[in-house]
């Protein structure tokens, strides 16, 4: 194992707790009633498709000279769109 491999492994260590977080989220969603699950599904669909569209569009803008964004910007965007999706769902189903 080279030193580069060790650096990669250390850099990815924070992903281990992230796997547990994913499992916890799935566990919580499985425990929800059907209406709450539907609301969360629609909120996640809004977050997923909105993030895909916005990042794809921004990729074209980078071709025009807009600054390159870090991949770390994707998660806050997706989380924000998820919150918006939940609010829309609560208004719709509430």
PDB file of N, CA and C in Angstrom:
ATOM      1  N   UNK A   1       0.865  -1.187   0.000  1.00  0.00           N
ATOM      2  CA  UNK A   1       0.000   0.000   0.000  1.00  0.00           C
ATOM      3  C   UNK A   1       0.895   1.228   0.000  1.00  0.00           C
ATOM      4  N   UNK A   2       0.689   2.099  -0.966  1.00  0.00           N
ATOM      5  CA  UNK A   2       1.481   3.316  -1.062  1.00  0.00           C
ATOM      6  C   UNK A   2       0.928   4.412  -0.173  1.00  0.00           C
ATOM      7  N   UNK A   3       1.710   5.462  -0.014  1.00  0.00           N
ATOM      8  CA  UNK A   3       1.275   6.576   0.830  1.00  0.00           C
ATOM      9  C   UNK A   3       0.053   7.278   0.235  1.00  0.00           C
ATOM     10  N   UNK A   4      -0.061   7.265  -1.087  1.00  0.00           N
ATOM     11  CA  UNK A   4      -1.247   7.849  -1.727  1.00  0.00           C
ATOM     12  C   UNK A   4      -2.505   7.084  -1.367  1.00  0.00           C
ATOM     13  N   UNK A   5      -2.385   5.746  -1.281  1.00  0.00           N
ATOM     14  CA  UNK A   5      -3.533   4.920  -0.902  1.00  0.00           C
ATOM     15  C   UNK A   5      -3.957   5.210   0.534  1.00  0.00           C
ATOM     16  N   UNK A   6      -2.992   5.414   1.403  1.00  0.00           N
ATOM     17  CA  UNK A   6      -3.302   5.721   2.800  1.00  0.00           C
ATOM     18  C   UNK A   6      -3.990   7.078   2.891  1.00  0.00           C
ATOM     19  N   UNK A   7      -3.508   8.047   2.143  1.00  0.00           N
ATOM     20  CA  UNK A   7      -4.138   9.375   2.138  1.00  0.00           C
ATOM     21  C   UNK A   7      -5.582   9.289   1.659  1.00  0.00           C
ATOM     22  N   UNK A   8      -5.818   8.495   0.638  1.00  0.00           N
ATOM     23  CA  UNK A   8      -7.184   8.324   0.122  1.00  0.00           C
ATOM     24  C   UNK A   8      -8.070   7.681   1.182  1.00  0.00           C
ATOM     25  N   UNK A   9      -7.562   6.634   1.825  1.00  0.00           N
ATOM     26  CA  UNK A   9      -8.344   5.952   2.864  1.00  0.00           C
ATOM     27  C   UNK A   9      -8.672   6.896   4.020  1.00  0.00           C
ATOM     28  N   UNK A  10      -7.697   7.679   4.452  1.00  0.00           N
ATOM     29  CA  UNK A  10      -7.930   8.618   5.552  1.00  0.00           C
ATOM     30  C   UNK A  10      -8.932   9.693   5.129  1.00  0.00           C
ATOM     31  N   UNK A  11      -8.814  10.182   3.907  1.00  0.00           N
ATOM     32  CA  UNK A  11      -9.727  11.214   3.423  1.00  0.00           C
ATOM     33  C   UNK A  11     -11.168  10.707   3.369  1.00  0.00           C
ATOM     34  N   UNK A  12     -11.337   9.416   3.126  1.00  0.00           N
ATOM     35  CA  UNK A  12     -12.684   8.845   3.016  1.00  0.00           C
ATOM     36  C   UNK A  12     -13.239   8.316   4.340  1.00  0.00           C
ATOM     37  N   UNK A  13     -12.469   8.368   5.408  1.00  0.00           N
ATOM     38  CA  UNK A  13     -12.938   7.884   6.710  1.00  0.00           C
ATOM     39  C   UNK A  13     -14.251   8.517   7.170  1.00  0.00           C
ATOM     40  N   UNK A  14     -14.473   9.805   6.952  1.00  0.00           N
ATOM     41  CA  UNK A  14     -15.755  10.380   7.381  1.00  0.00           C
ATOM     42  C   UNK A  14     -16.972   9.761   6.685  1.00  0.00           C
ATOM     43  N   UNK A  15     -16.754   9.001   5.645  1.00  0.00           N
ATOM     44  CA  UNK A  15     -17.873   8.365   4.963  1.00  0.00           C
ATOM     45  C   UNK A  15     -18.449   7.199   5.764  1.00  0.00           C
ATOM     46  N   UNK A  16     -17.661   6.625   6.678  1.00  0.00           N
ATOM     47  CA  UNK A  16     -18.173   5.511   7.481  1.00  0.00           C
ATOM     48  C   UNK A  16     -19.374   5.921   8.328  1.00  0.00           C
ATOM     49  N   UNK A  17     -19.296   7.011   9.099  1.00  0.00           N
ATOM     50  CA  UNK A  17     -20.503   7.429   9.825  1.00  0.00           C
ATOM     51  C   UNK A  17     -21.644   7.821   8.888  1.00  0.00           C
ATOM     52  N   UNK A  18     -21.309   8.322   7.714  1.00  0.00           N
ATOM     53  CA  UNK A  18     -22.348   8.693   6.753  1.00  0.00           C
ATOM     54  C   UNK A  18     -23.166   7.473   6.334  1.00  0.00           C
ATOM     55  N   UNK A  19     -22.531   6.316   6.249  1.00  0.00           N
ATOM     56  CA  UNK A  19     -23.263   5.080   5.922  1.00  0.00           C
ATOM     57  C   UNK A  19     -24.279   4.761   7.011  1.00  0.00           C
ATOM     58  N   UNK A  20     -23.896   4.961   8.265  1.00  0.00           N
ATOM     59  CA  UNK A  20     -24.830   4.719   9.362  1.00  0.00           C
ATOM     60  C   UNK A  20     -25.979   5.718   9.331  1.00  0.00           C
ATOM     61  N   UNK A  21     -25.696   6.952   8.953  1.00  0.00           N
ATOM     62  CA  UNK A  21     -26.746   7.965   8.842  1.00  0.00           C
ATOM     63  C   UNK A  21     -27.750   7.553   7.766  1.00  0.00           C
ATOM     64  N   UNK A  22     -27.257   7.058   6.649  1.00  0.00           N
ATOM     65  CA  UNK A  22     -28.155   6.593   5.580  1.00  0.00           C
ATOM     66  C   UNK A  22     -29.058   5.474   6.088  1.00  0.00           C
ATOM     67  N   UNK A  23     -28.471   4.537   6.820  1.00  0.00           N
ATOM     68  CA  UNK A  23     -29.266   3.447   7.384  1.00  0.00           C
ATOM     69  C   UNK A  23     -30.313   3.950   8.366  1.00  0.00           C
ATOM     70  N   UNK A  24     -29.952   4.944   9.172  1.00  0.00           N
ATOM     71  CA  UNK A  24     -30.901   5.506  10.139  1.00  0.00           C
ATOM     72  C   UNK A  24     -32.055   6.200   9.428  1.00  0.00           C
ATOM     73  N   UNK A  25     -31.756   6.900   8.352  1.00  0.00           N
ATOM     74  CA  UNK A  25     -32.808   7.590   7.590  1.00  0.00           C
ATOM     75  C   UNK A  25     -33.780   6.578   6.996  1.00  0.00           C
ATOM     76  N   UNK A  26     -33.250   5.511   6.411  1.00  0.00           N
ATOM     77  CA  UNK A  26     -34.113   4.469   5.840  1.00  0.00           C
ATOM     78  C   UNK A  26     -34.973   3.854   6.941  1.00  0.00           C
ATOM     79  N   UNK A  27     -34.385   3.605   8.103  1.00  0.00           N
ATOM     80  CA  UNK A  27     -35.123   3.022   9.233  1.00  0.00           C
ATOM     81  C   UNK A  27     -36.278   3.938   9.653  1.00  0.00           C
ATOM     82  N   UNK A  28     -36.012   5.236   9.758  1.00  0.00           N
ATOM     83  CA  UNK A  28     -37.055   6.190  10.159  1.00  0.00           C
ATOM     84  C   UNK A  28     -38.163   6.242   9.110  1.00  0.00           C
ATOM     85  N   UNK A  29     -37.798   6.280   7.848  1.00  0.00           N
ATOM     86  CA  UNK A  29     -38.809   6.346   6.786  1.00  0.00           C
ATOM     87  C   UNK A  29     -39.659   5.082   6.768  1.00  0.00           C
ATOM     88  N   UNK A  30     -39.050   3.924   7.004  1.00  0.00           N
ATOM     89  CA  UNK A  30     -39.823   2.680   7.043  1.00  0.00           C
ATOM     90  C   UNK A  30     -40.815   2.670   8.199  1.00  0.00           C
ATOM     91  N   UNK A  31     -40.541   3.422   9.253  1.00  0.00           N
ATOM     92  CA  UNK A  31     -41.439   3.482  10.395  1.00  0.00           C
ATOM     93  C   UNK A  31     -42.555   4.500  10.255  1.00  0.00           C
ATOM     94  N   UNK A  32     -42.561   5.263   9.180  1.00  0.00           N
ATOM     95  CA  UNK A  32     -43.594   6.287   8.984  1.00  0.00           C
ATOM     96  C   UNK A  32     -44.876   5.669   8.437  1.00  0.00           C
ATOM     97  N   UNK A  33     -45.988   6.375   8.653  1.00  0.00           N
ATOM     98  CA  UNK A  33     -47.228   5.926   8.027  1.00  0.00           C
ATOM     99  C   UNK A  33     -47.188   6.266   6.537  1.00  0.00           C
ATOM    100  N   UNK A  34     -48.169   5.772   5.815  1.00  0.00           N
ATOM    101  CA  UNK A  34     -48.153   5.913   4.351  1.00  0.00           C
ATOM    102  C   UNK A  34     -48.166   7.369   3.891  1.00  0.00           C
ATOM    103  N   UNK A  35     -48.916   8.221   4.561  1.00  0.00           N
ATOM    104  CA  UNK A  35     -48.985   9.621   4.149  1.00  0.00           C
ATOM    105  C   UNK A  35     -47.648  10.318   4.355  1.00  0.00           C
ATOM    106  N   UNK A  36     -47.015  10.097   5.508  1.00  0.00           N
ATOM    107  CA  UNK A  36     -45.707  10.706   5.764  1.00  0.00           C
ATOM    108  C   UNK A  36     -44.663  10.178   4.774  1.00  0.00           C
ATOM    109  N   UNK A  37     -44.739   8.891   4.473  1.00  0.00           N
ATOM    110  CA  UNK A  37     -43.794   8.325   3.501  1.00  0.00           C
ATOM    111  C   UNK A  37     -43.993   8.941   2.120  1.00  0.00           C
ATOM    112  N   UNK A  38     -45.262   9.148   1.738  1.00  0.00           N
ATOM    113  CA  UNK A  38     -45.548   9.775   0.448  1.00  0.00           C
ATOM    114  C   UNK A  38     -45.006  11.198   0.416  1.00  0.00           C
ATOM    115  N   UNK A  39     -45.202  11.950   1.514  1.00  0.00           N
ATOM    116  CA  UNK A  39     -44.703  13.314   1.600  1.00  0.00           C
ATOM    117  C   UNK A  39     -43.179  13.323   1.449  1.00  0.00           C
ATOM    118  N   UNK A  40     -42.490  12.447   2.174  1.00  0.00           N
ATOM    119  CA  UNK A  40     -41.029  12.392   2.099  1.00  0.00           C
ATOM    120  C   UNK A  40     -40.552  11.972   0.708  1.00  0.00           C
ATOM    121  N   UNK A  41     -41.265  11.038   0.094  1.00  0.00           N
ATOM    122  CA  UNK A  41     -40.896  10.605  -1.251  1.00  0.00           C
ATOM    123  C   UNK A  41     -40.994  11.761  -2.237  1.00  0.00           C
ATOM    124  N   UNK A  42     -42.084  12.518  -2.154  1.00  0.00           N
ATOM    125  CA  UNK A  42     -42.240  13.647  -3.064  1.00  0.00           C
ATOM    126  C   UNK A  42     -41.208  14.740  -2.781  1.00  0.00           C
ATOM    127  N   UNK A  43     -40.895  14.964  -1.499  1.00  0.00           N
ATOM    128  CA  UNK A  43     -39.879  15.959  -1.146  1.00  0.00           C
ATOM    129  C   UNK A  43     -38.512  15.531  -1.685  1.00  0.00           C
ATOM    130  N   UNK A  44     -38.198  14.259  -1.562  1.00  0.00           N
ATOM    131  CA  UNK A  44     -36.919  13.761  -2.091  1.00  0.00           C
ATOM    132  C   UNK A  44     -36.888  13.813  -3.617  1.00  0.00           C
ATOM    133  N   UNK A  45     -38.037  13.580  -4.244  1.00  0.00           N
ATOM    134  CA  UNK A  45     -38.101  13.688  -5.711  1.00  0.00           C
ATOM    135  C   UNK A  45     -37.846  15.124  -6.149  1.00  0.00           C
ATOM    136  N   UNK A  46     -38.410  16.088  -5.424  1.00  0.00           N
ATOM    137  CA  UNK A  46     -38.164  17.503  -5.730  1.00  0.00           C
ATOM    138  C   UNK A  46     -36.683  17.816  -5.536  1.00  0.00           C
ATOM    139  N   UNK A  47     -36.120  17.349  -4.424  1.00  0.00           N
ATOM    140  CA  UNK A  47     -34.707  17.614  -4.135  1.00  0.00           C
ATOM    141  C   UNK A  47     -33.799  16.975  -5.182  1.00  0.00           C
ATOM    142  N   UNK A  48     -34.075  15.741  -5.543  1.00  0.00           N
ATOM    143  CA  UNK A  48     -33.231  15.025  -6.506  1.00  0.00           C
ATOM    144  C   UNK A  48     -33.289  15.668  -7.881  1.00  0.00           C
ATOM    145  N   UNK A  49     -34.505  15.879  -8.379  1.00  0.00           N
ATOM    146  CA  UNK A  49     -34.619  16.431  -9.735  1.00  0.00           C
ATOM    147  C   UNK A  49     -34.184  17.889  -9.779  1.00  0.00           C
ATOM    148  N   UNK A  50     -34.510  18.655  -8.732  1.00  0.00           N
ATOM    149  CA  UNK A  50     -34.082  20.052  -8.691  1.00  0.00           C
ATOM    150  C   UNK A  50     -32.571  20.180  -8.660  1.00  0.00           C
ATOM    151  N   UNK A  51     -31.929  19.343  -7.849  1.00  0.00           N
ATOM    152  CA  UNK A  51     -30.464  19.360  -7.787  1.00  0.00           C
ATOM    153  C   UNK A  51     -29.869  18.963  -9.130  1.00  0.00           C
ATOM    154  N   UNK A  52     -30.427  17.944  -9.748  1.00  0.00           N
ATOM    155  CA  UNK A  52     -29.927  17.512 -11.052  1.00  0.00           C
ATOM    156  C   UNK A  52     -30.045  18.639 -12.084  1.00  0.00           C
ATOM    157  N   UNK A  53     -31.199  19.278 -12.142  1.00  0.00           N
ATOM    158  CA  UNK A  53     -31.408  20.346 -13.120  1.00  0.00           C
ATOM    159  C   UNK A  53     -30.501  21.546 -12.866  1.00  0.00           C
ATOM    160  N   UNK A  54     -30.414  21.966 -11.597  1.00  0.00           N
ATOM    161  CA  UNK A  54     -29.604  23.149 -11.282  1.00  0.00           C
ATOM    162  C   UNK A  54     -28.112  22.904 -11.498  1.00  0.00           C
ATOM    163  N   UNK A  55     -27.618  21.734 -11.099  1.00  0.00           N
ATOM    164  CA  UNK A  55     -26.187  21.463 -11.293  1.00  0.00           C
ATOM    165  C   UNK A  55     -25.865  21.269 -12.772  1.00  0.00           C
ATOM    166  N   UNK A  56     -26.784  20.673 -13.511  1.00  0.00           N
ATOM    167  CA  UNK A  56     -26.579  20.493 -14.951  1.00  0.00           C
ATOM    168  C   UNK A  56     -26.537  21.858 -15.640  1.00  0.00           C
ATOM    169  N   UNK A  57     -27.482  22.728 -15.281  1.00  0.00           N
ATOM    170  CA  UNK A  57     -27.519  24.073 -15.866  1.00  0.00           C
ATOM    171  C   UNK A  57     -26.256  24.843 -15.499  1.00  0.00           C
ATOM    172  N   UNK A  58     -25.817  24.731 -14.251  1.00  0.00           N
ATOM    173  CA  UNK A  58     -24.622  25.463 -13.837  1.00  0.00           C
ATOM    174  C   UNK A  58     -23.384  24.939 -14.568  1.00  0.00           C
ATOM    175  N   UNK A  59     -23.384  23.667 -14.892  1.00  0.00           N
ATOM    176  CA  UNK A  59     -22.274  23.124 -15.681  1.00  0.00           C
ATOM    177  C   UNK A  59     -22.133  23.844 -17.014  1.00  0.00           C
ATOM    178  N   UNK A  60     -23.255  24.169 -17.642  1.00  0.00           N
ATOM    179  CA  UNK A  60     -23.196  24.932 -18.889  1.00  0.00           C
ATOM    180  C   UNK A  60     -22.682  26.350 -18.648  1.00  0.00           C
ATOM    181  N   UNK A  61     -23.078  26.934 -17.521  1.00  0.00           N
ATOM    182  CA  UNK A  61     -22.609  28.281 -17.200  1.00  0.00           C
ATOM    183  C   UNK A  61     -21.104  28.302 -16.925  1.00  0.00           C
ATOM    184  N   UNK A  62     -20.579  27.233 -16.354  1.00  0.00           N
ATOM    185  CA  UNK A  62     -19.131  27.151 -16.148  1.00  0.00           C
ATOM    186  C   UNK A  62     -18.400  27.223 -17.484  1.00  0.00           C
ATOM    187  N   UNK A  63     -19.028  26.678 -18.527  1.00  0.00           N
ATOM    188  CA  UNK A  63     -18.449  26.766 -19.861  1.00  0.00           C
ATOM    189  C   UNK A  63     -18.373  28.193 -20.378  1.00  0.00           C
ATOM    190  N   UNK A  64     -19.174  29.094 -19.792  1.00  0.00           N
ATOM    191  CA  UNK A  64     -19.152  30.504 -20.168  1.00  0.00           C
ATOM    192  C   UNK A  64     -18.224  31.327 -19.280  1.00  0.00           C
ATOM    193  N   UNK A  65     -17.546  30.658 -18.365  1.00  0.00           N
ATOM    194  CA  UNK A  65     -16.607  31.362 -17.509  1.00  0.00           C
ATOM    195  C   UNK A  65     -17.048  31.546 -16.071  1.00  0.00           C
ATOM    196  N   UNK A  66     -18.240  31.056 -15.706  1.00  0.00           N
ATOM    197  CA  UNK A  66     -18.650  31.129 -14.302  1.00  0.00           C
ATOM    198  C   UNK A  66     -17.670  30.312 -13.461  1.00  0.00           C
ATOM    199  N   UNK A  67     -17.481  30.689 -12.197  1.00  0.00           N
ATOM    200  CA  UNK A  67     -16.504  29.971 -11.371  1.00  0.00           C
ATOM    201  C   UNK A  67     -16.922  28.517 -11.135  1.00  0.00           C
ATOM    202  N   UNK A  68     -15.925  27.648 -11.059  1.00  0.00           N
ATOM    203  CA  UNK A  68     -16.197  26.244 -10.755  1.00  0.00           C
ATOM    204  C   UNK A  68     -16.601  26.120  -9.299  1.00  0.00           C
ATOM    205  N   UNK A  69     -17.632  25.334  -9.046  1.00  0.00           N
ATOM    206  CA  UNK A  69     -18.099  25.123  -7.683  1.00  0.00           C
ATOM    207  C   UNK A  69     -17.607  23.779  -7.163  1.00  0.00           C
ATOM    208  N   UNK A  70     -17.360  23.739  -5.883  1.00  0.00           N
ATOM    209  CA  UNK A  70     -16.964  22.498  -5.232  1.00  0.00           C
ATOM    210  C   UNK A  70     -18.154  21.541  -5.183  1.00  0.00           C
ATOM    211  N   UNK A  71     -17.865  20.257  -5.184  1.00  0.00           N
ATOM    212  CA  UNK A  71     -18.924  19.263  -5.033  1.00  0.00           C
ATOM    213  C   UNK A  71     -19.594  19.378  -3.667  1.00  0.00           C
ATOM    214  N   UNK A  72     -18.908  20.010  -2.714  1.00  0.00           N
ATOM    215  CA  UNK A  72     -19.501  20.211  -1.398  1.00  0.00           C
ATOM    216  C   UNK A  72     -20.707  21.150  -1.460  1.00  0.00           C
ATOM    217  N   UNK A  73     -20.886  21.869  -2.544  1.00  0.00           N
ATOM    218  CA  UNK A  73     -22.038  22.763  -2.695  1.00  0.00           C
ATOM    219  C   UNK A  73     -23.309  21.985  -3.043  1.00  0.00           C
ATOM    220  N   UNK A  74     -23.171  20.760  -3.497  1.00  0.00           N
ATOM    221  CA  UNK A  74     -24.328  19.982  -3.937  1.00  0.00           C
ATOM    222  C   UNK A  74     -25.207  19.579  -2.746  1.00  0.00           C
ATOM    223  N   UNK A  75     -24.588  19.134  -1.653  1.00  0.00           N
ATOM    224  CA  UNK A  75     -25.377  18.682  -0.506  1.00  0.00           C
ATOM    225  C   UNK A  75     -26.251  19.788   0.084  1.00  0.00           C
ATOM    226  N   UNK A  76     -25.735  20.992   0.346  1.00  0.00           N
ATOM    227  CA  UNK A  76     -26.627  22.040   0.866  1.00  0.00           C
ATOM    228  C   UNK A  76     -27.762  22.387  -0.109  1.00  0.00           C
ATOM    229  N   UNK A  77     -27.465  22.341  -1.392  1.00  0.00           N
ATOM    230  CA  UNK A  77     -28.504  22.595  -2.391  1.00  0.00           C
ATOM    231  C   UNK A  77     -29.590  21.535  -2.284  1.00  0.00           C
ATOM    232  N   UNK A  78     -29.193  20.272  -2.233  1.00  0.00           N
ATOM    233  CA  UNK A  78     -30.167  19.182  -2.159  1.00  0.00           C
ATOM    234  C   UNK A  78     -30.957  19.250  -0.851  1.00  0.00           C
ATOM    235  N   UNK A  79     -30.274  19.557   0.250  1.00  0.00           N
ATOM    236  CA  UNK A  79     -30.966  19.658   1.540  1.00  0.00           C
ATOM    237  C   UNK A  79     -31.975  20.802   1.527  1.00  0.00           C
ATOM    238  N   UNK A  80     -31.585  21.928   0.956  1.00  0.00           N
ATOM    239  CA  UNK A  80     -32.503  23.058   0.873  1.00  0.00           C
ATOM    240  C   UNK A  80     -33.725  22.743   0.028  1.00  0.00           C
ATOM    241  N   UNK A  81     -33.513  22.061  -1.073  1.00  0.00           N
ATOM    242  CA  UNK A  81     -34.648  21.681  -1.918  1.00  0.00           C
ATOM    243  C   UNK A  81     -35.524  20.642  -1.234  1.00  0.00           C
ATOM    244  N   UNK A  82     -34.927  19.764  -0.423  1.00  0.00           N
ATOM    245  CA  UNK A  82     -35.711  18.797   0.338  1.00  0.00           C
ATOM    246  C   UNK A  82     -36.619  19.521   1.340  1.00  0.00           C
ATOM    247  N   UNK A  83     -36.070  20.525   2.032  1.00  0.00           N
ATOM    248  CA  UNK A  83     -36.874  21.309   2.987  1.00  0.00           C
ATOM    249  C   UNK A  83     -38.035  21.985   2.255  1.00  0.00           C
ATOM    250  N   UNK A  84     -37.752  22.560   1.109  1.00  0.00           N
ATOM    251  CA  UNK A  84     -38.817  23.178   0.312  1.00  0.00           C
ATOM    252  C   UNK A  84     -39.865  22.136  -0.068  1.00  0.00           C
ATOM    253  N   UNK A  85     -39.408  20.953  -0.467  1.00  0.00           N
ATOM    254  CA  UNK A  85     -40.331  19.874  -0.817  1.00  0.00           C
ATOM    255  C   UNK A  85     -41.190  19.440   0.348  1.00  0.00           C
ATOM    256  N   UNK A  86     -40.607  19.358   1.548  1.00  0.00           N
ATOM    257  CA  UNK A  86     -41.382  19.004   2.736  1.00  0.00           C
ATOM    258  C   UNK A  86     -42.434  20.077   3.027  1.00  0.00           C
ATOM    259  N   UNK A  87     -42.035  21.339   2.907  1.00  0.00           N
ATOM    260  CA  UNK A  87     -42.998  22.434   3.159  1.00  0.00           C
ATOM    261  C   UNK A  87     -44.143  22.390   2.151  1.00  0.00           C
ATOM    262  N   UNK A  88     -43.818  22.144   0.900  1.00  0.00           N
ATOM    263  CA  UNK A  88     -44.869  22.012  -0.124  1.00  0.00           C
ATOM    264  C   UNK A  88     -45.778  20.842   0.213  1.00  0.00           C
ATOM    265  N   UNK A  89     -45.191  19.728   0.591  1.00  0.00           N
ATOM    266  CA  UNK A  89     -45.979  18.548   0.933  1.00  0.00           C
ATOM    267  C   UNK A  89     -46.878  18.768   2.134  1.00  0.00           C
ATOM    268  N   UNK A  90     -46.352  19.451   3.151  1.00  0.00           N
ATOM    269  CA  UNK A  90     -47.182  19.718   4.345  1.00  0.00           C
ATOM    270  C   UNK A  90     -48.336  20.638   4.007  1.00  0.00           C
ATOM    271  N   UNK A  91     -48.094  21.579   3.118  1.00  0.00           N
ATOM    272  CA  UNK A  91     -49.181  22.464   2.678  1.00  0.00           C
ATOM    273  C   UNK A  91     -50.202  21.658   1.885  1.00  0.00           C
ATOM    274  N   UNK A  92     -49.701  20.785   1.028  1.00  0.00           N
ATOM    275  CA  UNK A  92     -50.556  20.008   0.142  1.00  0.00           C
ATOM    276  C   UNK A  92     -51.344  18.929   0.894  1.00  0.00           C
ATOM    277  N   UNK A  93     -50.657  18.193   1.774  1.00  0.00           N
ATOM    278  CA  UNK A  93     -51.296  17.075   2.466  1.00  0.00           C
ATOM    279  C   UNK A  93     -51.834  17.452   3.834  1.00  0.00           C
ATOM    280  N   UNK A  94     -51.443  18.652   4.335  1.00  0.00           N
ATOM    281  CA  UNK A  94     -51.785  19.038   5.695  1.00  0.00           C
ATOM    282  C   UNK A  94     -53.193  19.435   5.849  1.00  0.00           C
TER     283      UNK A  94
END
